[in-house]
Amino acid sequence: MADQEQAEVRLIAARLRQEHEDYDAAINAMIATGCDALRVQRMKKKKLVIKDKLSKLEDQIIPDIIA
């Protein structure tokens, strides 16, 4: 992977990490205020999708090395 491509992937990963943290904070606030359980569950699913995307990007950055 070229340096520029890797830098772009790292930038996207950083944005996804921030979005994941934002969802986490929003979910905690929703739970604290007693929000509808269905809304909380939907937010958790969105958070999980972001986590999956982040994992795929990190796999691109760090290749598997078989020792």
PDB file of N, CA and C in Angstrom:
ATOM      1  N   MET A   1       0.854  -1.171   0.000  1.00  0.00           N
ATOM      2  CA  MET A   1       0.000   0.000   0.000  1.00  0.00           C
ATOM      3  C   MET A   1       0.903   1.239   0.000  1.00  0.00           C
ATOM      4  N   ALA A   2       0.601   2.161  -0.853  1.00  0.00           N
ATOM      5  CA  ALA A   2       1.397   3.387  -0.958  1.00  0.00           C
ATOM      6  C   ALA A   2       1.215   4.243   0.294  1.00  0.00           C
ATOM      7  N   ASP A   3       2.195   5.096   0.536  1.00  0.00           N
ATOM      8  CA  ASP A   3       2.151   5.944   1.733  1.00  0.00           C
ATOM      9  C   ASP A   3       0.918   6.842   1.759  1.00  0.00           C
ATOM     10  N   GLN A   4       0.576   7.395   0.591  1.00  0.00           N
ATOM     11  CA  GLN A   4      -0.580   8.291   0.536  1.00  0.00           C
ATOM     12  C   GLN A   4      -1.873   7.518   0.806  1.00  0.00           C
ATOM     13  N   GLU A   5      -1.991   6.325   0.237  1.00  0.00           N
ATOM     14  CA  GLU A   5      -3.178   5.510   0.482  1.00  0.00           C
ATOM     15  C   GLU A   5      -3.283   5.142   1.957  1.00  0.00           C
ATOM     16  N   GLN A   6      -2.150   4.786   2.539  1.00  0.00           N
ATOM     17  CA  GLN A   6      -2.143   4.410   3.941  1.00  0.00           C
ATOM     18  C   GLN A   6      -2.522   5.601   4.824  1.00  0.00           C
ATOM     19  N   ALA A   7      -2.068   6.778   4.468  1.00  0.00           N
ATOM     20  CA  ALA A   7      -2.424   7.978   5.225  1.00  0.00           C
ATOM     21  C   ALA A   7      -3.920   8.250   5.137  1.00  0.00           C
ATOM     22  N   GLU A   8      -4.506   8.056   3.953  1.00  0.00           N
ATOM     23  CA  GLU A   8      -5.941   8.259   3.780  1.00  0.00           C
ATOM     24  C   GLU A   8      -6.737   7.252   4.603  1.00  0.00           C
ATOM     25  N   VAL A   9      -6.280   5.995   4.596  1.00  0.00           N
ATOM     26  CA  VAL A   9      -6.974   4.964   5.362  1.00  0.00           C
ATOM     27  C   VAL A   9      -6.888   5.272   6.851  1.00  0.00           C
ATOM     28  N   ARG A  10      -5.715   5.746   7.303  1.00  0.00           N
ATOM     29  CA  ARG A  10      -5.561   6.106   8.709  1.00  0.00           C
ATOM     30  C   ARG A  10      -6.483   7.274   9.089  1.00  0.00           C
ATOM     31  N   LEU A  11      -6.641   8.231   8.182  1.00  0.00           N
ATOM     32  CA  LEU A  11      -7.527   9.365   8.434  1.00  0.00           C
ATOM     33  C   LEU A  11      -8.982   8.899   8.545  1.00  0.00           C
ATOM     34  N   ILE A  12      -9.387   8.030   7.646  1.00  0.00           N
ATOM     35  CA  ILE A  12     -10.749   7.491   7.693  1.00  0.00           C
ATOM     36  C   ILE A  12     -10.951   6.700   8.976  1.00  0.00           C
ATOM     37  N   ALA A  13      -9.943   5.921   9.363  1.00  0.00           N
ATOM     38  CA  ALA A  13     -10.034   5.138  10.599  1.00  0.00           C
ATOM     39  C   ALA A  13     -10.165   6.057  11.810  1.00  0.00           C
ATOM     40  N   ALA A  14      -9.433   7.144  11.824  1.00  0.00           N
ATOM     41  CA  ALA A  14      -9.522   8.088  12.934  1.00  0.00           C
ATOM     42  C   ALA A  14     -10.921   8.699  13.013  1.00  0.00           C
ATOM     43  N   ARG A  15     -11.489   9.012  11.875  1.00  0.00           N
ATOM     44  CA  ARG A  15     -12.854   9.568  11.853  1.00  0.00           C
ATOM     45  C   ARG A  15     -13.859   8.544  12.375  1.00  0.00           C
ATOM     46  N   LEU A  16     -13.675   7.280  11.966  1.00  0.00           N
ATOM     47  CA  LEU A  16     -14.582   6.236  12.427  1.00  0.00           C
ATOM     48  C   LEU A  16     -14.438   6.005  13.937  1.00  0.00           C
ATOM     49  N   ARG A  17     -13.210   6.071  14.443  1.00  0.00           N
ATOM     50  CA  ARG A  17     -13.008   5.931  15.890  1.00  0.00           C
ATOM     51  C   ARG A  17     -13.747   7.033  16.644  1.00  0.00           C
ATOM     52  N   GLN A  18     -13.665   8.251  16.130  1.00  0.00           N
ATOM     53  CA  GLN A  18     -14.356   9.369  16.772  1.00  0.00           C
ATOM     54  C   GLN A  18     -15.868   9.190  16.710  1.00  0.00           C
ATOM     55  N   GLU A  19     -16.363   8.740  15.568  1.00  0.00           N
ATOM     56  CA  GLU A  19     -17.796   8.513  15.414  1.00  0.00           C
ATOM     57  C   GLU A  19     -18.256   7.404  16.377  1.00  0.00           C
ATOM     58  N   HIS A  20     -17.424   6.368  16.525  1.00  0.00           N
ATOM     59  CA  HIS A  20     -17.734   5.269  17.439  1.00  0.00           C
ATOM     60  C   HIS A  20     -17.820   5.789  18.877  1.00  0.00           C
ATOM     61  N   GLU A  21     -16.887   6.636  19.262  1.00  0.00           N
ATOM     62  CA  GLU A  21     -16.912   7.228  20.606  1.00  0.00           C
ATOM     63  C   GLU A  21     -18.134   8.112  20.795  1.00  0.00           C
ATOM     64  N   ASP A  22     -18.511   8.845  19.743  1.00  0.00           N
ATOM     65  CA  ASP A  22     -19.699   9.708  19.822  1.00  0.00           C
ATOM     66  C   ASP A  22     -20.965   8.876  20.034  1.00  0.00           C
ATOM     67  N   TYR A  23     -21.063   7.759  19.304  1.00  0.00           N
ATOM     68  CA  TYR A  23     -22.209   6.874  19.482  1.00  0.00           C
ATOM     69  C   TYR A  23     -22.224   6.312  20.897  1.00  0.00           C
ATOM     70  N   ASP A  24     -21.063   5.955  21.419  1.00  0.00           N
ATOM     71  CA  ASP A  24     -20.972   5.414  22.765  1.00  0.00           C
ATOM     72  C   ASP A  24     -21.481   6.431  23.782  1.00  0.00           C
ATOM     73  N   ALA A  25     -21.058   7.671  23.642  1.00  0.00           N
ATOM     74  CA  ALA A  25     -21.510   8.727  24.552  1.00  0.00           C
ATOM     75  C   ALA A  25     -23.018   8.957  24.412  1.00  0.00           C
ATOM     76  N   ALA A  26     -23.511   8.942  23.188  1.00  0.00           N
ATOM     77  CA  ALA A  26     -24.944   9.150  22.961  1.00  0.00           C
ATOM     78  C   ALA A  26     -25.760   8.015  23.565  1.00  0.00           C
ATOM     79  N   ILE A  27     -25.276   6.788  23.410  1.00  0.00           N
ATOM     80  CA  ILE A  27     -25.985   5.634  23.973  1.00  0.00           C
ATOM     81  C   ILE A  27     -26.024   5.728  25.490  1.00  0.00           C
ATOM     82  N   ASN A  28     -24.898   6.072  26.088  1.00  0.00           N
ATOM     83  CA  ASN A  28     -24.865   6.204  27.549  1.00  0.00           C
ATOM     84  C   ASN A  28     -25.817   7.300  28.029  1.00  0.00           C
ATOM     85  N   ALA A  29     -25.892   8.395  27.297  1.00  0.00           N
ATOM     86  CA  ALA A  29     -26.807   9.472  27.663  1.00  0.00           C
ATOM     87  C   ALA A  29     -28.263   9.030  27.513  1.00  0.00           C
ATOM     88  N   MET A  30     -28.534   8.274  26.458  1.00  0.00           N
ATOM     89  CA  MET A  30     -29.894   7.782  26.248  1.00  0.00           C
ATOM     90  C   MET A  30     -30.307   6.832  27.370  1.00  0.00           C
ATOM     91  N   ILE A  31     -29.392   5.981  27.784  1.00  0.00           N
ATOM     92  CA  ILE A  31     -29.694   5.044  28.867  1.00  0.00           C
ATOM     93  C   ILE A  31     -29.912   5.806  30.176  1.00  0.00           C
ATOM     94  N   ALA A  32     -29.080   6.812  30.412  1.00  0.00           N
ATOM     95  CA  ALA A  32     -29.180   7.597  31.649  1.00  0.00           C
ATOM     96  C   ALA A  32     -30.503   8.356  31.742  1.00  0.00           C
ATOM     97  N   THR A  33     -31.016   8.790  30.611  1.00  0.00           N
ATOM     98  CA  THR A  33     -32.270   9.542  30.622  1.00  0.00           C
ATOM     99  C   THR A  33     -33.495   8.646  30.517  1.00  0.00           C
ATOM    100  N   GLY A  34     -33.283   7.344  30.368  1.00  0.00           N
ATOM    101  CA  GLY A  34     -34.404   6.415  30.290  1.00  0.00           C
ATOM    102  C   GLY A  34     -35.091   6.417  28.945  1.00  0.00           C
ATOM    103  N   CYS A  35     -34.324   6.523  27.906  1.00  0.00           N
ATOM    104  CA  CYS A  35     -34.862   6.548  26.538  1.00  0.00           C
ATOM    105  C   CYS A  35     -35.441   5.170  26.179  1.00  0.00           C
ATOM    106  N   ASP A  36     -36.219   5.162  25.130  1.00  0.00           N
ATOM    107  CA  ASP A  36     -36.841   3.946  24.633  1.00  0.00           C
ATOM    108  C   ASP A  36     -35.775   2.889  24.322  1.00  0.00           C
ATOM    109  N   ALA A  37     -35.993   1.663  24.765  1.00  0.00           N
ATOM    110  CA  ALA A  37     -35.019   0.580  24.577  1.00  0.00           C
ATOM    111  C   ALA A  37     -34.786   0.277  23.090  1.00  0.00           C
ATOM    112  N   LEU A  38     -35.801   0.443  22.275  1.00  0.00           N
ATOM    113  CA  LEU A  38     -35.664   0.185  20.841  1.00  0.00           C
ATOM    114  C   LEU A  38     -34.703   1.177  20.197  1.00  0.00           C
ATOM    115  N   ARG A  39     -34.779   2.430  20.585  1.00  0.00           N
ATOM    116  CA  ARG A  39     -33.852   3.443  20.061  1.00  0.00           C
ATOM    117  C   ARG A  39     -32.420   3.149  20.481  1.00  0.00           C
ATOM    118  N   VAL A  40     -32.242   2.733  21.717  1.00  0.00           N
ATOM    119  CA  VAL A  40     -30.916   2.397  22.213  1.00  0.00           C
ATOM    120  C   VAL A  40     -30.357   1.216  21.423  1.00  0.00           C
ATOM    121  N   GLN A  41     -31.193   0.228  21.175  1.00  0.00           N
ATOM    122  CA  GLN A  41     -30.756  -0.947  20.424  1.00  0.00           C
ATOM    123  C   GLN A  41     -30.352  -0.569  19.002  1.00  0.00           C
ATOM    124  N   ARG A  42     -31.098   0.313  18.373  1.00  0.00           N
ATOM    125  CA  ARG A  42     -30.755   0.768  17.019  1.00  0.00           C
ATOM    126  C   ARG A  42     -29.419   1.499  17.009  1.00  0.00           C
ATOM    127  N   MET A  43     -29.199   2.323  18.017  1.00  0.00           N
ATOM    128  CA  MET A  43     -27.925   3.042  18.114  1.00  0.00           C
ATOM    129  C   MET A  43     -26.774   2.069  18.309  1.00  0.00           C
ATOM    130  N   LYS A  44     -27.002   1.030  19.098  1.00  0.00           N
ATOM    131  CA  LYS A  44     -25.955   0.031  19.320  1.00  0.00           C
ATOM    132  C   LYS A  44     -25.624  -0.719  18.030  1.00  0.00           C
ATOM    133  N   LYS A  45     -26.631  -0.968  17.210  1.00  0.00           N
ATOM    134  CA  LYS A  45     -26.388  -1.635  15.926  1.00  0.00           C
ATOM    135  C   LYS A  45     -25.558  -0.740  15.010  1.00  0.00           C
ATOM    136  N   LYS A  46     -25.872   0.543  14.978  1.00  0.00           N
ATOM    137  CA  LYS A  46     -25.098   1.483  14.163  1.00  0.00           C
ATOM    138  C   LYS A  46     -23.661   1.544  14.657  1.00  0.00           C
ATOM    139  N   LYS A  47     -23.499   1.535  15.971  1.00  0.00           N
ATOM    140  CA  LYS A  47     -22.163   1.567  16.563  1.00  0.00           C
ATOM    141  C   LYS A  47     -21.381   0.314  16.162  1.00  0.00           C
ATOM    142  N   LEU A  48     -22.043  -0.825  16.136  1.00  0.00           N
ATOM    143  CA  LEU A  48     -21.400  -2.077  15.755  1.00  0.00           C
ATOM    144  C   LEU A  48     -20.982  -2.062  14.288  1.00  0.00           C
ATOM    145  N   VAL A  49     -21.799  -1.484  13.430  1.00  0.00           N
ATOM    146  CA  VAL A  49     -21.452  -1.366  12.011  1.00  0.00           C
ATOM    147  C   VAL A  49     -20.190  -0.520  11.849  1.00  0.00           C
ATOM    148  N   ILE A  50     -20.104   0.557  12.598  1.00  0.00           N
ATOM    149  CA  ILE A  50     -18.918   1.413  12.557  1.00  0.00           C
ATOM    150  C   ILE A  50     -17.700   0.644  13.032  1.00  0.00           C
ATOM    151  N   LYS A  51     -17.864  -0.133  14.095  1.00  0.00           N
ATOM    152  CA  LYS A  51     -16.754  -0.930  14.627  1.00  0.00           C
ATOM    153  C   LYS A  51     -16.270  -1.946  13.593  1.00  0.00           C
ATOM    154  N   ASP A  52     -17.205  -2.556  12.853  1.00  0.00           N
ATOM    155  CA  ASP A  52     -16.830  -3.513  11.814  1.00  0.00           C
ATOM    156  C   ASP A  52     -16.047  -2.831  10.687  1.00  0.00           C
ATOM    157  N   LYS A  53     -16.503  -1.655  10.274  1.00  0.00           N
ATOM    158  CA  LYS A  53     -15.792  -0.903   9.235  1.00  0.00           C
ATOM    159  C   LYS A  53     -14.386  -0.545   9.714  1.00  0.00           C
ATOM    160  N   LEU A  54     -14.286  -0.141  10.960  1.00  0.00           N
ATOM    161  CA  LEU A  54     -13.002   0.225  11.543  1.00  0.00           C
ATOM    162  C   LEU A  54     -12.059  -0.979  11.574  1.00  0.00           C
ATOM    163  N   SER A  55     -12.578  -2.126  11.926  1.00  0.00           N
ATOM    164  CA  SER A  55     -11.745  -3.332  11.956  1.00  0.00           C
ATOM    165  C   SER A  55     -11.218  -3.679  10.573  1.00  0.00           C
ATOM    166  N   LYS A  56     -12.055  -3.543   9.559  1.00  0.00           N
ATOM    167  CA  LYS A  56     -11.617  -3.832   8.192  1.00  0.00           C
ATOM    168  C   LYS A  56     -10.529  -2.863   7.743  1.00  0.00           C
ATOM    169  N   LEU A  57     -10.684  -1.597   8.095  1.00  0.00           N
ATOM    170  CA  LEU A  57      -9.662  -0.617   7.733  1.00  0.00           C
ATOM    171  C   LEU A  57      -8.351  -0.884   8.452  1.00  0.00           C
ATOM    172  N   GLU A  58      -8.429  -1.239   9.716  1.00  0.00           N
ATOM    173  CA  GLU A  58      -7.216  -1.536  10.462  1.00  0.00           C
ATOM    174  C   GLU A  58      -6.512  -2.773   9.913  1.00  0.00           C
ATOM    175  N   ASP A  59      -7.286  -3.728   9.403  1.00  0.00           N
ATOM    176  CA  ASP A  59      -6.675  -4.900   8.772  1.00  0.00           C
ATOM    177  C   ASP A  59      -5.923  -4.520   7.502  1.00  0.00           C
ATOM    178  N   GLN A  60      -6.388  -3.504   6.800  1.00  0.00           N
ATOM    179  CA  GLN A  60      -5.681  -3.027   5.610  1.00  0.00           C
ATOM    180  C   GLN A  60      -4.369  -2.353   5.991  1.00  0.00           C
ATOM    181  N   ILE A  61      -4.389  -1.643   7.102  1.00  0.00           N
ATOM    182  CA  ILE A  61      -3.195  -0.915   7.540  1.00  0.00           C
ATOM    183  C   ILE A  61      -2.141  -1.884   8.061  1.00  0.00           C
ATOM    184  N   ILE A  62      -2.585  -2.816   8.893  1.00  0.00           N
ATOM    185  CA  ILE A  62      -1.658  -3.765   9.517  1.00  0.00           C
ATOM    186  C   ILE A  62      -1.861  -5.134   8.862  1.00  0.00           C
ATOM    187  N   PRO A  63      -0.977  -5.515   7.967  1.00  0.00           N
ATOM    188  CA  PRO A  63      -1.142  -6.798   7.282  1.00  0.00           C
ATOM    189  C   PRO A  63      -0.855  -7.965   8.230  1.00  0.00           C
ATOM    190  N   ASP A  64      -1.455  -9.118   7.921  1.00  0.00           N
ATOM    191  CA  ASP A  64      -1.194 -10.312   8.702  1.00  0.00           C
ATOM    192  C   ASP A  64       0.199 -10.822   8.380  1.00  0.00           C
ATOM    193  N   ILE A  65       0.978 -11.047   9.406  1.00  0.00           N
ATOM    194  CA  ILE A  65       2.332 -11.560   9.228  1.00  0.00           C
ATOM    195  C   ILE A  65       2.371 -12.943   9.862  1.00  0.00           C
ATOM    196  N   ILE A  66       2.620 -13.924   9.046  1.00  0.00           N
ATOM    197  CA  ILE A  66       2.713 -15.282   9.549  1.00  0.00           C
ATOM    198  C   ILE A  66       4.145 -15.544   9.955  1.00  0.00           C
ATOM    199  N   ALA A  67       4.347 -15.854  11.208  1.00  0.00           N
ATOM    200  CA  ALA A  67       5.705 -16.055  11.716  1.00  0.00           C
ATOM    201  C   ALA A  67       6.137 -17.485  11.555  1.00  0.00           C
TER     202      ALA A  67
END
